[in-house]
Amino acid sequence: MSSLAGTKTVLVTGATGDTGRAAVRESLALGLNVRAFVRTVDERSQALADQGAEVVVGDFLDINTVRPAVEGVEAAYLCYPIRPGLVEAAVNFAQAAKEAGVKAVLHLSQRSANRESTSNSCRDTFLAEQVLNWSGVHVIHLRPTMFLEWFTYPWMLPYLQKGFLRMPVGKGTSSPVAAADQGRAVAALLLKPEEHIGTTINLSGPVEMDHEQMAAELSEALGREIVYQNPPVAEYVASLEEMGVYPYGLNHIGGAMIDFQNGRMSGADDNIERLTGRRSMTVGEYARAHADLLNGTGN
């Protein structure tokens, strides 16, 4: 437990999501008082309460539920899901944070946030960054690259289990990053955000690679051949629609894949290690840790 934590209260939104769960866990480990903002009470929110978090229920699109959630909070993690409403959510959160005197807002952006993207989510994220900047809140933008968790998502896992890394990104590169490592960085910044206010911090894995290289690393880690498949974006999106991915998500993935091809997910850095003292995990390390799932030999 950090001696800096004291009785500091922080807010983690999106607390039942990939990075949110990790941020709650890591913030509690640092001795912070954690308030977890969730949309509904269920077994996922109960798991957060069991760890020691204070669970509060609210809706980003209703400022009168956001305002009480930020009361008495010194630092907050703003993590909005890939769905419509991000710009309105950013406005609500900024206003509530200003009223409550929140000293730092960590905004989970995305590496491909840009106004030219054909992804509505990437454009909305760009605008959310601008809104938070204009608002005058003390903001830190976090821009992660591709999540390692993508390997376990329904549109990738069945193919990986059959030996294919299927993603329409051409020769685009990234340095995939695990949600757990992002959670460590978020917790470190919630604990001590001061020197980072007003900055944008990329969150990456330690090695930049294209998907041919990624397939090779997965092959070595999983003990079987993984072949990279690069289907047309339209074909890829159509296959996701058949799997039941919702329209906003389909639009985002289609646009984000084009951004990926054009280099917007590229780069590697050691920011997580600088913030936490421990580097982020590699593709191979993640694959070995989840080998049963990725090989289809476990639950």
Foldseek 3Di string as FASTA:
>chain_A
DAPLQPAAEEEEEVLLDFLNVLLLLLLVVNVHAYEYEAQDDDPSVVVSVVSPHHYAHDDLLDLVRLLVSCARHQEYEADDDLDPDLQSSLLSNLVSCVVRVHQEYEYEAALQQDCPFLQPNSPSSVNSVVSNVVSPHQYEYEHEFAALCVCQDPLHQVLLLVQEREAQQPFFKAAHFYSNLSSNLSSLCSSPVVVRGPYYHYDGAADMGGVQVLQVLLCVLLVHHHYYDNDPLVVSLVVVVVVPDDDSVSSNRSRVSVSRNVHSRTDHDQVSCVSRVDGTDGSSVVCNVCNCSSNVNHD
